[in-house]
Amino acid sequence: MTNKTFRRPTAWLLVAALAVFSLAAVACADSSTNEEAGANSDSPSIGAPGSGGTSSGSGKAVVASGYDAPAIEPIAIGAPTGYGFGSTYNAQVGATNSGIWVTGQGTLEIPADVAQVSIGVESRETTVSDARQNAAEAMDSVLEAIKENGVSEDDIVTTNFNIYPQTIWVEVSDSLGRHSEPRITGYTVSNTVQVTVRDIDNLSPVVDTAATAGGDLIRINSIQFTVDDSSVYGEQIRQMAAAEALAKADVYARAMGVTLGPLVYLTEIGSSVPMASSAPQAEFAAMDGAFKSSPISSGDVNLSVTVQAVFAIGG
């Protein structure tokens, strides 16, 4: 009886201690939950656009990503995108696409003083050797006639020489059945030269004598006109292009109510010496026992230069 009385109070003390520890653990969990709820009460909802950012308790701005920051860098109005060197300008000058961007073009019409004639011969025979022999004889006659009209041998350049077969398709029957296959019936030899005629007034005689010497094998492919030395006009054309660019920039500056600043960038986009083309027919008409000269008109060619300029905005 004495032992039972001594052990019962000890068991009740252990049960009470366990209950106290359990209550303390529950209280700590509730306190942590309340603190997290208080911290999240100032945060914006996911996906909600921020208006310049909201301030948290720590004083830092919170911005909703994807709303306040632009997706791409804005491009200034007038920045050239067609020429593809805006990024080059930024890298070289170290500036943004700002300022007044303009283009200027200078063009001159110059009387042609040089003609380039493509002259060829073409022979068709049943064998390669015959076709080549006829073409060679015809071309020799053509070149001699051209040289006799004052054309230098240095101004005669071979641009094309071809030997190729002439074929027809025939229907055959063999172990594979009936089908079509090519059959060679002959060969064609063509030889083409480019002749530079530096005396325009001598162009018609050169073409006529070449056509006479080549006979039925002659081919006058094309005639192009240009100027012998376009560099002598380069400075004048570039000054015209720069002046036009400056005039355009001044118009835009006055229209927008700003002051035109200094030139910060200029590039030459392209220059060209186009050739005026002509394809006269070397037709001959009997007139008092002589051939009529082929009428050929040279006309003018256009020389052009285009520049792009960037001017700063003064204010």
Protein backbone atom coordinates (compact mmCIF):
# COMPACT_ATOMS: atom_id res chain seq x y z
CA MET A 1 0.00 0.00 0.00
CA THR A 2 2.87 2.36 0.78
CA ASN A 3 4.52 1.81 -2.65
CA LYS A 4 1.33 2.54 -4.67
CA THR A 5 0.79 5.85 -2.86
CA PHE A 6 4.33 6.99 -3.70
CA ARG A 7 4.22 6.30 -7.54
CA ARG A 8 0.79 7.87 -8.38
CA PRO A 9 1.80 11.57 -7.88
CA THR A 10 4.90 11.06 -10.05
CA ALA A 11 2.85 9.83 -13.05
CA TRP A 12 0.53 12.83 -12.82
CA LEU A 13 3.50 15.19 -12.90
CA LEU A 14 4.77 13.64 -16.13
CA VAL A 15 1.37 13.97 -17.83
CA ALA A 16 1.15 17.64 -16.84
CA ALA A 17 4.60 18.40 -18.23
CA LEU A 18 3.72 16.88 -21.62
CA ALA A 19 0.55 18.96 -21.80
CA VAL A 20 2.47 22.20 -21.18
CA PHE A 21 4.97 21.45 -23.95
CA SER A 22 2.13 20.71 -26.41
CA LEU A 23 0.40 24.04 -25.70
CA ALA A 24 3.68 25.93 -26.18
CA ALA A 25 4.25 24.32 -29.64
CA VAL A 26 0.74 25.26 -30.83
CA ALA A 27 1.21 28.87 -29.69
CA CYS A 28 4.49 29.20 -31.63
CA ALA A 29 2.91 27.87 -34.86
CA ASP A 30 0.04 30.38 -34.66
CA SER A 31 2.47 33.29 -34.13
CA SER A 32 4.54 32.33 -37.20
CA THR A 33 1.41 32.11 -39.39
CA ASN A 34 0.27 35.60 -38.35
CA GLU A 35 3.66 37.13 -39.15
CA GLU A 36 3.68 35.65 -42.69
CA ALA A 37 0.16 36.89 -43.35
CA GLY A 38 1.16 40.40 -42.26
CA ALA A 39 4.19 40.38 -44.54
CA ASN A 40 2.19 39.29 -47.59
CA SER A 41 -0.60 41.81 -47.12
CA ASP A 42 1.49 44.56 -48.83
CA SER A 43 2.49 42.46 -51.91
CA PRO A 44 0.55 42.95 -55.21
CA SER A 45 -1.44 40.12 -56.70
CA ILE A 46 0.34 37.97 -59.28
CA GLY A 47 -0.10 39.49 -62.76
CA ALA A 48 -1.53 42.79 -61.51
CA PRO A 49 0.00 45.78 -63.30
CA GLY A 50 1.89 48.13 -61.00
CA SER A 51 1.59 51.90 -61.35
CA GLY A 52 5.14 53.05 -60.86
CA GLY A 53 5.68 50.49 -58.08
CA THR A 54 4.33 50.17 -54.54
CA SER A 55 6.34 50.68 -51.37
CA SER A 56 6.79 47.85 -48.91
CA GLY A 57 7.55 48.18 -45.26
CA SER A 58 11.30 48.16 -45.96
CA GLY A 59 11.02 51.22 -48.26
CA LYS A 60 11.84 49.32 -51.53
CA ALA A 61 9.66 49.73 -54.64
CA VAL A 62 7.93 46.66 -55.99
CA VAL A 63 7.24 46.69 -59.78
CA ALA A 64 5.14 44.13 -61.60
CA SER A 65 7.41 42.65 -64.26
CA GLY A 66 6.30 43.11 -67.87
CA TYR A 67 4.27 46.31 -67.43
CA ASP A 68 6.46 49.27 -66.55
CA ALA A 69 9.53 48.27 -68.58
CA PRO A 70 9.24 48.43 -72.43
CA ALA A 71 9.64 45.15 -74.27
CA ILE A 72 11.94 46.67 -76.91
CA GLU A 73 14.02 49.79 -77.22
CA PRO A 74 12.01 52.61 -78.88
CA ILE A 75 13.28 53.82 -82.27
CA ALA A 76 13.42 57.53 -82.96
CA ILE A 77 11.23 58.85 -85.76
CA GLY A 78 13.30 59.27 -88.89
CA ALA A 79 15.88 56.63 -87.99
CA PRO A 80 16.79 54.84 -91.22
CA THR A 81 15.89 51.19 -91.21
CA GLY A 82 16.10 50.41 -94.92
CA TYR A 83 19.84 50.91 -95.27
CA GLY A 84 20.88 48.65 -92.41
CA PHE A 85 23.67 50.74 -90.86
CA GLY A 86 21.89 52.38 -87.91
CA SER A 87 23.72 50.08 -85.50
CA THR A 88 27.02 50.91 -87.19
CA TYR A 89 26.36 54.59 -86.68
CA ASN A 90 25.65 53.98 -82.98
CA ALA A 91 28.84 52.02 -82.53
CA GLN A 92 31.02 54.54 -84.37
CA VAL A 93 29.57 57.77 -83.03
CA GLY A 94 28.47 56.43 -79.66
CA ALA A 95 25.02 58.03 -79.84
CA THR A 96 21.44 56.89 -80.09
CA ASN A 97 19.21 57.09 -83.15
CA SER A 98 18.53 60.76 -82.65
CA GLY A 99 18.87 63.81 -84.85
CA ILE A 100 17.69 64.55 -88.38
CA TRP A 101 18.40 61.78 -90.89
CA VAL A 102 18.24 62.66 -94.59
CA THR A 103 19.49 61.44 -97.95
CA GLY A 104 20.85 63.47 -100.82
CA GLN A 105 21.43 62.54 -104.45
CA GLY A 106 23.53 64.14 -107.13
CA THR A 107 22.89 63.28 -110.79
CA LEU A 108 24.49 64.46 -114.01
CA GLU A 109 23.52 63.67 -117.58
CA ILE A 110 26.71 63.25 -119.60
CA PRO A 111 26.88 62.69 -123.37
CA ALA A 112 28.19 59.18 -124.01
CA ASP A 113 31.65 59.08 -125.54
CA VAL A 114 32.29 55.30 -125.54
CA ALA A 115 30.31 52.40 -126.98
CA GLN A 116 30.69 48.75 -126.01
CA VAL A 117 29.45 46.37 -128.70
CA SER A 118 28.94 42.64 -128.21
CA ILE A 119 29.63 40.95 -131.54
CA GLY A 120 29.60 37.20 -132.15
CA VAL A 121 29.53 34.51 -134.79
CA GLU A 122 27.63 31.22 -134.67
CA SER A 123 28.15 28.20 -136.90
CA ARG A 124 26.09 25.00 -137.07
CA GLU A 125 27.41 21.92 -138.86
CA THR A 126 27.08 18.16 -138.63
CA THR A 127 30.59 17.81 -137.19
CA VAL A 128 32.45 19.77 -134.55
CA SER A 129 35.46 20.34 -136.79
CA ASP A 130 33.39 21.91 -139.58
CA ALA A 131 31.44 24.13 -137.18
CA ARG A 132 34.62 25.29 -135.45
CA GLN A 133 36.41 25.97 -138.75
CA ASN A 134 33.55 28.08 -140.14
CA ALA A 135 33.24 30.05 -136.90
CA ALA A 136 36.98 30.71 -136.77
CA GLU A 137 37.09 31.97 -140.36
CA ALA A 138 34.08 34.21 -139.82
CA MET A 139 35.49 35.70 -136.61
CA ASP A 140 38.86 36.38 -138.27
CA SER A 141 37.09 38.33 -141.00
CA VAL A 142 35.04 40.26 -138.45
CA LEU A 143 38.08 41.22 -136.38
CA GLU A 144 40.04 42.36 -139.44
CA ALA A 145 37.14 44.56 -140.52
CA ILE A 146 36.82 46.06 -137.04
CA LYS A 147 40.54 46.85 -136.82
CA GLU A 148 40.46 48.50 -140.23
CA ASN A 149 37.91 50.94 -138.79
CA GLY A 150 40.33 52.22 -136.17
CA VAL A 151 39.54 49.92 -133.25
CA SER A 152 42.63 48.96 -131.24
CA GLU A 153 43.37 45.29 -130.63
CA ASP A 154 43.45 46.05 -126.87
CA ASP A 155 39.78 47.10 -127.10
CA ILE A 156 38.70 43.68 -128.39
CA VAL A 157 38.12 41.07 -125.67
CA THR A 158 36.67 37.56 -126.00
CA THR A 159 33.75 37.18 -123.60
CA ASN A 160 32.27 33.82 -124.60
CA PHE A 161 33.18 30.67 -126.54
CA ASN A 162 30.91 27.61 -126.66
CA ILE A 163 30.73 24.26 -128.43
CA TYR A 164 27.55 22.31 -127.79
CA PRO A 165 25.58 19.59 -129.61
CA GLN A 166 22.28 19.96 -131.40
CA THR A 167 19.89 17.17 -130.45
CA ILE A 168 16.46 15.86 -131.34
CA TRP A 169 14.28 13.40 -129.41
CA VAL A 170 13.39 10.15 -131.12
CA GLU A 171 11.18 7.27 -130.02
CA VAL A 172 12.95 3.92 -129.75
CA SER A 173 11.99 0.40 -128.75
CA ASP A 174 14.43 -1.89 -126.95
CA SER A 175 14.57 -4.37 -124.08
CA LEU A 176 13.34 -1.62 -121.74
CA GLY A 177 10.30 -0.96 -123.86
CA ARG A 178 9.32 2.09 -125.90
CA HIS A 179 10.79 5.40 -124.77
CA SER A 180 12.35 8.62 -126.09
CA GLU A 181 16.05 9.43 -126.11
CA PRO A 182 18.18 12.29 -127.51
CA ARG A 183 20.07 11.94 -130.76
CA ILE A 184 22.86 14.32 -131.78
CA THR A 185 22.27 15.76 -135.23
CA GLY A 186 25.03 18.39 -135.33
CA TYR A 187 27.12 20.87 -133.40
CA THR A 188 27.05 24.61 -132.77
CA VAL A 189 30.13 26.74 -132.20
CA SER A 190 29.71 30.32 -130.99
CA ASN A 191 32.37 32.94 -130.36
CA THR A 192 31.61 36.37 -128.85
CA VAL A 193 33.83 39.42 -128.38
CA GLN A 194 33.25 42.77 -126.74
CA VAL A 195 34.47 45.68 -128.82
CA THR A 196 35.06 49.09 -127.22
CA VAL A 197 34.56 51.88 -129.72
CA ARG A 198 36.05 55.09 -128.34
CA ASP A 199 34.95 57.21 -131.28
CA ILE A 200 31.15 57.33 -131.22
CA ASP A 201 31.01 58.75 -134.74
CA ASN A 202 32.76 55.61 -135.96
CA LEU A 203 30.25 53.23 -134.35
CA SER A 204 27.98 52.70 -137.36
CA PRO A 205 30.87 51.84 -139.75
CA VAL A 206 32.26 49.37 -137.21
CA VAL A 207 28.92 47.57 -136.88
CA ASP A 208 28.23 47.59 -140.62
CA THR A 209 31.63 46.28 -141.68
CA ALA A 210 31.50 43.58 -138.98
CA ALA A 211 28.10 42.46 -140.21
CA THR A 212 29.32 42.36 -143.80
CA ALA A 213 32.46 40.42 -142.93
CA GLY A 214 30.62 37.85 -140.79
CA GLY A 215 27.88 37.21 -143.33
CA ASP A 216 25.06 34.95 -142.18
CA LEU A 217 27.07 33.81 -139.16
CA ILE A 218 27.25 37.30 -137.59
CA ARG A 219 25.40 38.11 -134.36
CA ILE A 220 25.16 41.69 -133.03
CA ASN A 221 24.04 40.99 -129.46
CA SER A 222 23.95 44.41 -127.82
CA ILE A 223 25.34 47.94 -127.72
CA GLN A 224 25.91 49.86 -124.49
CA PHE A 225 26.95 53.48 -124.08
CA THR A 226 28.97 54.98 -121.24
CA VAL A 227 31.66 57.57 -120.53
CA ASP A 228 35.34 56.82 -120.74
CA ASP A 229 36.35 58.45 -117.43
CA SER A 230 33.57 59.14 -114.93
CA SER A 231 35.97 60.14 -112.14
CA VAL A 232 36.34 63.67 -113.53
CA TYR A 233 32.70 64.28 -112.58
CA GLY A 234 32.98 62.69 -109.12
CA GLU A 235 33.64 65.86 -107.12
CA GLN A 236 30.81 67.79 -108.76
CA ILE A 237 28.27 65.00 -108.25
CA ARG A 238 29.23 64.50 -104.60
CA GLN A 239 28.92 68.23 -103.92
CA MET A 240 25.43 68.11 -105.42
CA ALA A 241 24.46 65.16 -103.23
CA ALA A 242 25.78 66.83 -100.06
CA ALA A 243 24.01 70.10 -100.89
CA GLU A 244 20.69 68.31 -101.35
CA ALA A 245 21.06 66.48 -98.02
CA LEU A 246 21.81 69.77 -96.23
CA ALA A 247 18.82 71.50 -97.86
CA LYS A 248 16.47 68.69 -96.79
CA ALA A 249 17.73 68.76 -93.21
CA ASP A 250 17.24 72.54 -93.04
CA VAL A 251 13.64 72.21 -94.27
CA TYR A 252 12.83 69.61 -91.61
CA ALA A 253 14.47 71.64 -88.85
CA ARG A 254 12.50 74.79 -89.70
CA ALA A 255 9.27 72.81 -90.08
CA MET A 256 9.70 71.30 -86.60
CA GLY A 257 10.71 74.61 -85.02
CA VAL A 258 14.21 73.51 -84.02
CA THR A 259 17.72 74.64 -84.87
CA LEU A 260 19.78 72.53 -87.23
CA GLY A 261 22.88 71.31 -85.44
CA PRO A 262 26.22 70.21 -86.85
CA LEU A 263 26.76 67.20 -89.09
CA VAL A 264 27.51 64.12 -86.98
CA TYR A 265 27.50 61.33 -89.58
CA LEU A 266 27.66 60.94 -93.37
CA THR A 267 28.03 57.92 -95.61
CA GLU A 268 27.96 57.36 -99.35
CA ILE A 269 25.30 54.77 -100.00
CA GLY A 270 26.14 54.15 -103.61
CA SER A 271 27.42 55.55 -106.86
CA SER A 272 26.68 54.30 -110.32
CA VAL A 273 27.62 54.84 -113.92
CA PRO A 274 24.69 53.17 -115.69
CA MET A 275 24.99 52.28 -119.32
CA ALA A 276 22.34 53.28 -121.82
CA SER A 277 21.53 50.18 -123.82
CA SER A 278 20.58 49.83 -127.45
CA ALA A 279 20.04 46.80 -129.65
CA PRO A 280 20.04 47.94 -133.28
CA GLN A 281 19.32 45.50 -136.06
CA ALA A 282 22.08 45.24 -138.63
CA GLU A 283 19.69 45.33 -141.57
CA PHE A 284 20.88 46.40 -144.99
CA ALA A 285 18.91 47.99 -147.80
CA ALA A 286 20.04 48.35 -151.40
CA MET A 287 20.45 51.98 -152.42
CA ASP A 288 22.24 52.81 -155.64
CA GLY A 289 24.19 49.58 -155.41
CA ALA A 290 25.44 50.33 -151.85
CA PHE A 291 24.38 49.37 -148.35
CA LYS A 292 22.56 51.84 -146.16
CA SER A 293 24.37 52.64 -142.90
CA SER A 294 22.73 51.39 -139.71
CA PRO A 295 21.36 54.37 -137.74
CA ILE A 296 22.63 54.31 -134.13
CA SER A 297 22.00 57.06 -131.57
CA SER A 298 24.11 57.19 -128.42
CA GLY A 299 22.22 59.70 -126.24
CA ASP A 300 23.21 60.59 -122.67
CA VAL A 301 24.09 58.51 -119.63
CA ASN A 302 23.31 59.38 -116.00
CA LEU A 303 26.02 59.51 -113.36
CA SER A 304 24.67 59.48 -109.80
CA VAL A 305 25.85 59.45 -106.18
CA THR A 306 23.63 59.05 -103.08
CA VAL A 307 24.65 59.97 -99.54
CA GLN A 308 22.97 59.73 -96.16
CA ALA A 309 23.63 62.36 -93.52
CA VAL A 310 22.73 62.80 -89.85
CA PHE A 311 22.50 66.27 -88.32
CA ALA A 312 22.18 67.01 -84.62
CA ILE A 313 19.22 68.99 -83.30
CA GLY A 314 20.48 72.27 -81.89
CA GLY A 315 17.45 73.22 -79.87
